[in-house]
N, C-alpha and C. Protein backbone atom coordinates (compact mmCIF):
# COMPACT_ATOMS: atom_id res chain seq x y z
N UNK A 1 14.93 -24.37 38.94
CA UNK A 1 13.91 -24.44 39.97
C UNK A 1 14.62 -24.50 41.32
N UNK A 2 14.02 -23.84 42.31
CA UNK A 2 14.59 -23.86 43.65
C UNK A 2 13.58 -24.48 44.63
N UNK A 3 13.99 -24.63 45.87
CA UNK A 3 13.14 -25.28 46.87
C UNK A 3 11.84 -24.51 47.09
N UNK A 4 11.90 -23.18 47.08
CA UNK A 4 10.69 -22.39 47.30
C UNK A 4 9.69 -22.60 46.16
N UNK A 5 10.16 -22.76 44.94
CA UNK A 5 9.27 -23.03 43.81
C UNK A 5 8.64 -24.41 43.97
N UNK A 6 9.43 -25.39 44.38
CA UNK A 6 8.91 -26.73 44.64
C UNK A 6 7.84 -26.66 45.72
N UNK A 7 8.12 -25.92 46.77
CA UNK A 7 7.18 -25.78 47.89
C UNK A 7 5.86 -25.16 47.42
N UNK A 8 5.93 -24.08 46.66
CA UNK A 8 4.70 -23.43 46.17
C UNK A 8 3.90 -24.37 45.28
N UNK A 9 4.58 -25.12 44.43
CA UNK A 9 3.88 -26.07 43.55
C UNK A 9 3.18 -27.14 44.38
N UNK A 10 3.87 -27.70 45.35
CA UNK A 10 3.27 -28.74 46.20
C UNK A 10 2.05 -28.22 46.94
N UNK A 11 2.16 -27.02 47.49
CA UNK A 11 1.06 -26.48 48.29
C UNK A 11 -0.15 -26.09 47.45
N UNK A 12 0.02 -25.96 46.14
CA UNK A 12 -1.12 -25.68 45.26
C UNK A 12 -1.89 -26.95 44.90
N UNK A 13 -1.31 -28.10 45.15
CA UNK A 13 -1.98 -29.36 44.83
C UNK A 13 -3.06 -29.63 45.88
N UNK A 14 -4.14 -30.30 45.49
CA UNK A 14 -5.24 -30.52 46.44
C UNK A 14 -4.86 -31.37 47.64
N UNK A 15 -5.36 -30.96 48.81
CA UNK A 15 -5.29 -31.73 50.06
C UNK A 15 -3.87 -31.91 50.60
N UNK A 16 -2.95 -31.04 50.22
CA UNK A 16 -1.54 -31.20 50.62
C UNK A 16 -1.29 -30.53 51.97
N UNK A 17 -0.52 -31.22 52.80
CA UNK A 17 -0.02 -30.65 54.04
C UNK A 17 1.50 -30.65 53.99
N UNK A 18 2.08 -29.77 54.77
CA UNK A 18 3.53 -29.62 54.80
C UNK A 18 3.97 -29.66 56.25
N UNK A 19 5.08 -30.32 56.50
CA UNK A 19 5.63 -30.32 57.85
C UNK A 19 7.12 -30.61 57.80
N UNK A 20 7.80 -30.22 58.84
CA UNK A 20 9.22 -30.53 58.98
C UNK A 20 9.32 -31.79 59.81
N UNK A 21 10.04 -32.78 59.27
CA UNK A 21 10.22 -34.06 59.96
C UNK A 21 11.69 -34.42 59.97
N UNK A 22 12.04 -35.29 60.87
CA UNK A 22 13.40 -35.83 60.95
C UNK A 22 14.44 -34.72 61.05
N UNK A 23 14.12 -33.69 61.77
CA UNK A 23 15.07 -32.61 62.01
C UNK A 23 15.01 -31.49 60.98
N UNK A 24 15.40 -31.78 59.76
CA UNK A 24 15.51 -30.70 58.77
C UNK A 24 14.97 -31.08 57.39
N UNK A 25 13.96 -31.92 57.35
CA UNK A 25 13.38 -32.31 56.06
C UNK A 25 11.97 -31.77 55.92
N UNK A 26 11.72 -31.08 54.83
CA UNK A 26 10.40 -30.58 54.51
C UNK A 26 9.65 -31.71 53.82
N UNK A 27 8.53 -32.12 54.42
CA UNK A 27 7.78 -33.28 53.93
C UNK A 27 6.40 -32.82 53.47
N UNK A 28 6.03 -33.21 52.27
CA UNK A 28 4.72 -32.89 51.72
C UNK A 28 3.90 -34.17 51.68
N UNK A 29 2.68 -34.07 52.21
CA UNK A 29 1.82 -35.25 52.33
C UNK A 29 0.45 -34.97 51.74
N UNK A 30 -0.20 -36.04 51.33
CA UNK A 30 -1.60 -35.98 50.94
C UNK A 30 -2.29 -37.11 51.70
N UNK A 31 -3.34 -36.78 52.44
CA UNK A 31 -4.03 -37.79 53.23
C UNK A 31 -3.14 -38.45 54.26
N UNK A 32 -2.14 -37.74 54.74
CA UNK A 32 -1.24 -38.29 55.76
C UNK A 32 -0.09 -39.13 55.21
N UNK A 33 -0.04 -39.32 53.89
CA UNK A 33 1.05 -40.10 53.28
C UNK A 33 1.95 -39.17 52.48
N UNK A 34 3.24 -39.31 52.66
CA UNK A 34 4.16 -38.40 51.99
C UNK A 34 4.34 -38.75 50.51
N UNK A 35 4.54 -37.69 49.71
CA UNK A 35 4.81 -37.87 48.29
C UNK A 35 6.09 -37.17 47.85
N UNK A 36 6.63 -36.27 48.70
CA UNK A 36 7.87 -35.57 48.37
C UNK A 36 8.56 -35.15 49.66
N UNK A 37 9.89 -35.31 49.67
CA UNK A 37 10.72 -34.91 50.81
C UNK A 37 11.88 -34.08 50.27
N UNK A 38 12.11 -32.93 50.90
CA UNK A 38 13.23 -32.07 50.49
C UNK A 38 13.97 -31.59 51.74
N UNK A 39 15.30 -31.74 51.75
CA UNK A 39 16.05 -31.27 52.91
C UNK A 39 16.11 -29.75 52.94
N UNK A 40 16.04 -29.19 54.15
CA UNK A 40 16.15 -27.74 54.32
C UNK A 40 17.60 -27.29 54.41
N UNK A 41 18.47 -28.21 54.77
CA UNK A 41 19.90 -27.93 54.88
C UNK A 41 20.62 -28.63 53.72
N UNK A 42 21.82 -28.17 53.36
CA UNK A 42 22.56 -28.84 52.28
C UNK A 42 22.68 -30.35 52.53
N UNK A 43 22.47 -31.11 51.46
CA UNK A 43 22.45 -32.56 51.56
C UNK A 43 22.91 -33.17 50.25
N UNK A 44 23.11 -34.49 50.25
CA UNK A 44 23.48 -35.18 49.02
C UNK A 44 22.35 -35.18 48.01
N UNK A 45 21.11 -35.03 48.49
CA UNK A 45 19.94 -35.08 47.60
C UNK A 45 19.13 -33.79 47.74
N UNK A 46 18.71 -33.24 46.62
CA UNK A 46 17.91 -32.01 46.64
C UNK A 46 16.45 -32.32 46.97
N UNK A 47 15.98 -33.48 46.52
CA UNK A 47 14.63 -33.92 46.86
C UNK A 47 14.46 -35.37 46.51
N UNK A 48 13.48 -35.99 47.15
CA UNK A 48 13.09 -37.38 46.86
C UNK A 48 11.59 -37.37 46.66
N UNK A 49 11.12 -38.19 45.71
CA UNK A 49 9.70 -38.24 45.46
C UNK A 49 9.26 -39.59 44.92
N UNK A 50 7.98 -39.87 45.09
CA UNK A 50 7.36 -41.10 44.59
C UNK A 50 7.21 -40.98 43.08
N UNK A 51 7.49 -42.08 42.36
CA UNK A 51 7.35 -42.08 40.90
C UNK A 51 6.68 -43.38 40.46
N UNK A 52 6.23 -43.38 39.22
CA UNK A 52 5.65 -44.60 38.65
C UNK A 52 6.76 -45.61 38.38
N UNK A 53 6.38 -46.86 38.16
CA UNK A 53 7.36 -47.90 37.87
C UNK A 53 8.17 -47.54 36.61
N UNK A 54 7.48 -47.05 35.59
CA UNK A 54 8.16 -46.68 34.34
C UNK A 54 9.18 -45.56 34.57
N UNK A 55 8.77 -44.52 35.29
CA UNK A 55 9.68 -43.41 35.58
C UNK A 55 10.84 -43.87 36.46
N UNK A 56 10.55 -44.77 37.40
CA UNK A 56 11.58 -45.29 38.29
C UNK A 56 12.69 -45.95 37.48
N UNK A 57 12.31 -46.72 36.49
CA UNK A 57 13.30 -47.42 35.66
C UNK A 57 14.00 -46.47 34.70
N UNK A 58 13.27 -45.58 34.07
CA UNK A 58 13.85 -44.70 33.05
C UNK A 58 14.73 -43.59 33.63
N UNK A 59 14.28 -42.96 34.70
CA UNK A 59 14.99 -41.78 35.21
C UNK A 59 16.31 -42.13 35.89
N UNK A 60 16.48 -43.37 36.29
CA UNK A 60 17.76 -43.76 36.89
C UNK A 60 18.89 -43.68 35.88
N UNK A 61 18.56 -43.60 34.60
CA UNK A 61 19.58 -43.47 33.57
C UNK A 61 20.15 -42.05 33.51
N UNK A 62 19.47 -41.09 34.13
CA UNK A 62 19.93 -39.70 34.16
C UNK A 62 20.99 -39.56 35.26
N UNK A 63 22.12 -39.00 34.90
CA UNK A 63 23.19 -38.76 35.86
C UNK A 63 22.68 -37.89 37.00
N UNK A 64 22.82 -38.36 38.24
CA UNK A 64 22.39 -37.58 39.40
C UNK A 64 21.01 -37.95 39.92
N UNK A 65 20.35 -38.91 39.28
CA UNK A 65 19.07 -39.40 39.78
C UNK A 65 19.26 -40.86 40.18
N UNK A 66 18.97 -41.15 41.45
CA UNK A 66 19.23 -42.48 41.99
C UNK A 66 18.00 -42.97 42.76
N UNK A 67 17.93 -44.28 43.01
CA UNK A 67 16.88 -44.76 43.91
C UNK A 67 17.05 -44.09 45.27
N UNK A 68 15.96 -43.61 45.84
CA UNK A 68 16.02 -42.89 47.12
C UNK A 68 16.41 -43.84 48.24
N UNK A 69 17.38 -43.44 49.05
CA UNK A 69 17.74 -44.26 50.20
C UNK A 69 16.52 -44.52 51.09
N UNK A 70 16.37 -45.74 51.54
CA UNK A 70 15.29 -46.20 52.42
C UNK A 70 13.93 -46.30 51.74
N UNK A 71 13.75 -45.66 50.60
CA UNK A 71 12.43 -45.65 49.96
C UNK A 71 12.43 -46.24 48.54
N UNK A 72 13.55 -46.74 48.10
CA UNK A 72 13.64 -47.26 46.73
C UNK A 72 12.68 -48.43 46.52
N UNK A 73 12.48 -49.26 47.53
CA UNK A 73 11.59 -50.41 47.35
C UNK A 73 10.15 -49.97 47.11
N UNK A 74 9.83 -48.72 47.50
CA UNK A 74 8.49 -48.18 47.25
C UNK A 74 8.48 -47.30 45.99
N UNK A 75 9.53 -47.42 45.18
CA UNK A 75 9.68 -46.67 43.93
C UNK A 75 9.75 -45.16 44.16
N UNK A 76 10.70 -44.76 44.95
CA UNK A 76 11.02 -43.35 45.15
C UNK A 76 12.39 -43.09 44.54
N UNK A 77 12.54 -41.92 43.93
CA UNK A 77 13.82 -41.50 43.39
C UNK A 77 14.32 -40.28 44.14
N UNK A 78 15.64 -40.14 44.17
CA UNK A 78 16.29 -38.97 44.76
C UNK A 78 17.03 -38.23 43.66
N UNK A 79 16.83 -36.91 43.62
CA UNK A 79 17.55 -36.06 42.68
C UNK A 79 18.64 -35.34 43.45
N UNK A 80 19.88 -35.44 42.94
CA UNK A 80 20.98 -34.79 43.64
C UNK A 80 20.95 -33.28 43.47
N UNK A 81 20.34 -32.81 42.38
CA UNK A 81 20.17 -31.37 42.12
C UNK A 81 18.80 -31.15 41.52
N UNK A 82 18.24 -29.98 41.74
CA UNK A 82 16.91 -29.68 41.21
C UNK A 82 16.92 -29.38 39.71
N UNK A 83 18.09 -29.08 39.17
CA UNK A 83 18.15 -28.72 37.75
C UNK A 83 18.56 -29.89 36.84
N UNK A 84 18.40 -31.12 37.29
CA UNK A 84 18.77 -32.27 36.47
C UNK A 84 17.78 -32.52 35.33
N UNK A 85 16.57 -32.04 35.51
CA UNK A 85 15.52 -32.22 34.50
C UNK A 85 14.99 -30.85 34.11
N UNK A 86 14.43 -30.74 32.90
CA UNK A 86 13.76 -29.48 32.55
C UNK A 86 12.67 -29.17 33.58
N UNK A 87 12.45 -27.89 33.84
CA UNK A 87 11.47 -27.47 34.86
C UNK A 87 10.11 -28.10 34.68
N UNK A 88 9.62 -28.14 33.45
CA UNK A 88 8.28 -28.68 33.23
C UNK A 88 8.25 -30.18 33.52
N UNK A 89 9.35 -30.90 33.24
CA UNK A 89 9.41 -32.32 33.55
C UNK A 89 9.38 -32.55 35.07
N UNK A 90 10.11 -31.70 35.81
CA UNK A 90 10.11 -31.82 37.27
C UNK A 90 8.73 -31.49 37.83
N UNK A 91 8.09 -30.47 37.30
CA UNK A 91 6.73 -30.13 37.73
C UNK A 91 5.79 -31.31 37.50
N UNK A 92 5.91 -31.94 36.33
CA UNK A 92 5.06 -33.09 36.01
C UNK A 92 5.33 -34.25 36.97
N UNK A 93 6.59 -34.48 37.32
CA UNK A 93 6.93 -35.55 38.28
C UNK A 93 6.31 -35.26 39.65
N UNK A 94 6.34 -34.01 40.07
CA UNK A 94 5.77 -33.65 41.37
C UNK A 94 4.25 -33.85 41.36
N UNK A 95 3.60 -33.39 40.29
CA UNK A 95 2.15 -33.59 40.20
C UNK A 95 1.81 -35.08 40.15
N UNK A 96 2.61 -35.85 39.45
CA UNK A 96 2.38 -37.29 39.35
C UNK A 96 2.61 -37.98 40.70
N UNK A 97 3.63 -37.55 41.45
CA UNK A 97 3.88 -38.12 42.78
C UNK A 97 2.66 -37.91 43.67
N UNK A 98 2.11 -36.71 43.63
CA UNK A 98 0.90 -36.40 44.40
C UNK A 98 -0.24 -37.31 43.96
N UNK A 99 -0.46 -37.44 42.66
CA UNK A 99 -1.56 -38.26 42.14
C UNK A 99 -1.39 -39.73 42.52
N UNK A 100 -0.17 -40.24 42.44
CA UNK A 100 0.08 -41.64 42.80
C UNK A 100 -0.30 -41.91 44.26
N UNK A 101 0.11 -41.02 45.14
CA UNK A 101 -0.19 -41.22 46.56
C UNK A 101 -1.67 -41.02 46.82
N UNK A 102 -2.28 -39.99 46.23
CA UNK A 102 -3.71 -39.77 46.44
C UNK A 102 -4.52 -40.98 45.99
N UNK A 103 -4.19 -41.53 44.83
CA UNK A 103 -4.92 -42.69 44.32
C UNK A 103 -4.68 -43.95 45.15
N UNK A 104 -3.57 -43.99 45.88
CA UNK A 104 -3.29 -45.17 46.72
C UNK A 104 -4.00 -45.11 48.07
N UNK A 105 -4.58 -43.97 48.40
CA UNK A 105 -5.31 -43.84 49.66
C UNK A 105 -6.56 -44.69 49.63
N UNK A 106 -6.98 -45.19 50.77
CA UNK A 106 -8.24 -45.93 50.82
C UNK A 106 -9.39 -45.03 50.34
N UNK A 107 -10.37 -45.64 49.73
CA UNK A 107 -11.49 -44.90 49.15
C UNK A 107 -12.16 -43.99 50.19
N UNK A 108 -12.33 -44.48 51.41
CA UNK A 108 -12.96 -43.68 52.46
C UNK A 108 -12.13 -42.44 52.78
N UNK A 109 -10.81 -42.59 52.80
CA UNK A 109 -9.92 -41.45 53.10
C UNK A 109 -10.00 -40.41 52.00
N UNK A 110 -10.00 -40.86 50.73
CA UNK A 110 -10.13 -39.92 49.60
C UNK A 110 -11.47 -39.19 49.68
N UNK A 111 -12.53 -39.92 49.96
CA UNK A 111 -13.86 -39.31 50.05
C UNK A 111 -13.91 -38.29 51.19
N UNK A 112 -13.28 -38.60 52.31
CA UNK A 112 -13.25 -37.66 53.43
C UNK A 112 -12.51 -36.37 53.06
N UNK A 113 -11.41 -36.51 52.36
CA UNK A 113 -10.67 -35.32 51.92
C UNK A 113 -11.50 -34.49 50.95
N UNK A 114 -12.12 -35.17 50.01
CA UNK A 114 -12.92 -34.46 49.01
C UNK A 114 -14.12 -33.78 49.64
N UNK A 115 -14.71 -34.39 50.68
CA UNK A 115 -15.86 -33.80 51.35
C UNK A 115 -15.45 -32.61 52.21
N UNK A 116 -14.25 -32.66 52.77
CA UNK A 116 -13.77 -31.60 53.66
C UNK A 116 -13.47 -30.31 52.90
N UNK A 117 -13.04 -30.44 51.67
CA UNK A 117 -12.72 -29.27 50.86
C UNK A 117 -13.61 -29.30 49.63
N UNK A 118 -14.66 -28.48 49.61
CA UNK A 118 -15.58 -28.50 48.47
C UNK A 118 -14.90 -28.04 47.19
N UNK A 119 -15.41 -28.55 46.10
CA UNK A 119 -14.88 -28.15 44.79
C UNK A 119 -15.20 -26.68 44.55
N UNK A 120 -14.32 -25.96 43.85
CA UNK A 120 -14.59 -24.55 43.58
C UNK A 120 -15.84 -24.40 42.72
N UNK A 121 -16.60 -23.36 43.00
CA UNK A 121 -17.81 -23.10 42.22
C UNK A 121 -17.44 -22.56 40.86
N UNK A 122 -18.21 -22.96 39.87
CA UNK A 122 -17.99 -22.44 38.52
C UNK A 122 -18.46 -20.99 38.48
N UNK A 123 -17.64 -20.13 37.91
CA UNK A 123 -18.00 -18.72 37.81
C UNK A 123 -19.08 -18.56 36.75
N UNK A 124 -20.02 -17.70 37.05
CA UNK A 124 -21.05 -17.41 36.05
C UNK A 124 -20.45 -16.47 35.02
N UNK A 125 -20.64 -16.82 33.78
CA UNK A 125 -20.10 -15.98 32.71
C UNK A 125 -21.21 -15.55 31.78
N UNK A 126 -21.01 -14.39 31.19
CA UNK A 126 -21.95 -13.89 30.19
C UNK A 126 -21.59 -14.51 28.86
N UNK A 127 -22.55 -14.65 27.98
CA UNK A 127 -22.20 -15.09 26.63
C UNK A 127 -21.25 -14.08 26.01
N UNK A 128 -20.38 -14.54 25.13
CA UNK A 128 -19.37 -13.69 24.53
C UNK A 128 -19.97 -12.45 23.87
N UNK A 129 -21.09 -12.60 23.17
CA UNK A 129 -21.72 -11.46 22.47
C UNK A 129 -22.15 -10.40 23.48
N UNK A 130 -22.77 -10.81 24.57
CA UNK A 130 -23.22 -9.86 25.58
C UNK A 130 -22.02 -9.15 26.22
N UNK A 131 -20.94 -9.86 26.41
CA UNK A 131 -19.75 -9.26 27.00
C UNK A 131 -19.20 -8.17 26.10
N UNK A 132 -19.20 -8.38 24.80
CA UNK A 132 -18.70 -7.39 23.86
C UNK A 132 -19.61 -6.17 23.85
N UNK A 133 -20.91 -6.38 23.89
CA UNK A 133 -21.86 -5.28 23.86
C UNK A 133 -21.77 -4.40 25.10
N UNK A 134 -21.40 -4.98 26.23
CA UNK A 134 -21.34 -4.23 27.48
C UNK A 134 -19.93 -3.80 27.85
N UNK A 135 -19.01 -3.98 26.96
CA UNK A 135 -17.61 -3.63 27.24
C UNK A 135 -17.42 -2.14 27.25
N UNK A 136 -16.56 -1.66 28.15
CA UNK A 136 -16.30 -0.23 28.23
C UNK A 136 -15.30 0.24 27.19
N UNK A 137 -14.50 -0.65 26.67
CA UNK A 137 -13.57 -0.28 25.62
C UNK A 137 -13.71 -1.23 24.46
N UNK A 138 -13.69 -0.71 23.22
CA UNK A 138 -13.89 -1.55 22.05
C UNK A 138 -12.83 -2.65 21.96
N UNK A 139 -13.28 -3.85 21.62
CA UNK A 139 -12.36 -4.97 21.43
C UNK A 139 -11.92 -5.63 22.71
N UNK A 140 -12.37 -5.14 23.84
CA UNK A 140 -11.97 -5.71 25.13
C UNK A 140 -13.17 -6.33 25.79
N UNK A 141 -13.05 -7.58 26.25
CA UNK A 141 -14.14 -8.27 26.92
C UNK A 141 -14.12 -7.94 28.39
N UNK A 142 -15.31 -7.88 29.00
CA UNK A 142 -15.41 -7.70 30.46
C UNK A 142 -15.01 -8.96 31.16
């Protein structure tokens, strides 16, 4: 996984904003609170993110994953390289970091975010039988 993949994943999460802070750090926030920081220039750490207490304790056993400088007391970890964990595990950690921060927001702030961006409408679908009957090619659903 590379930084651009991390960026795309973060921006697909609900209510996420992105900004450059502290000179050369890409910061992803939800409701104004950061959940992931990644340096744009070469650094000792590839990214830092918020984790659960359990993950904070367990992942420190992995070589190259350490408590994040300045943020360890808030249970943030720093990964020295993006390939220290399987891709799906890193994706899950990023989604979890977002969820942890979103859930920590005051109820009014969460409600304001949810009201500002309406939920996607459910697409109207035909029953499966009708779709088969109206299909232009046999065995293919519309």
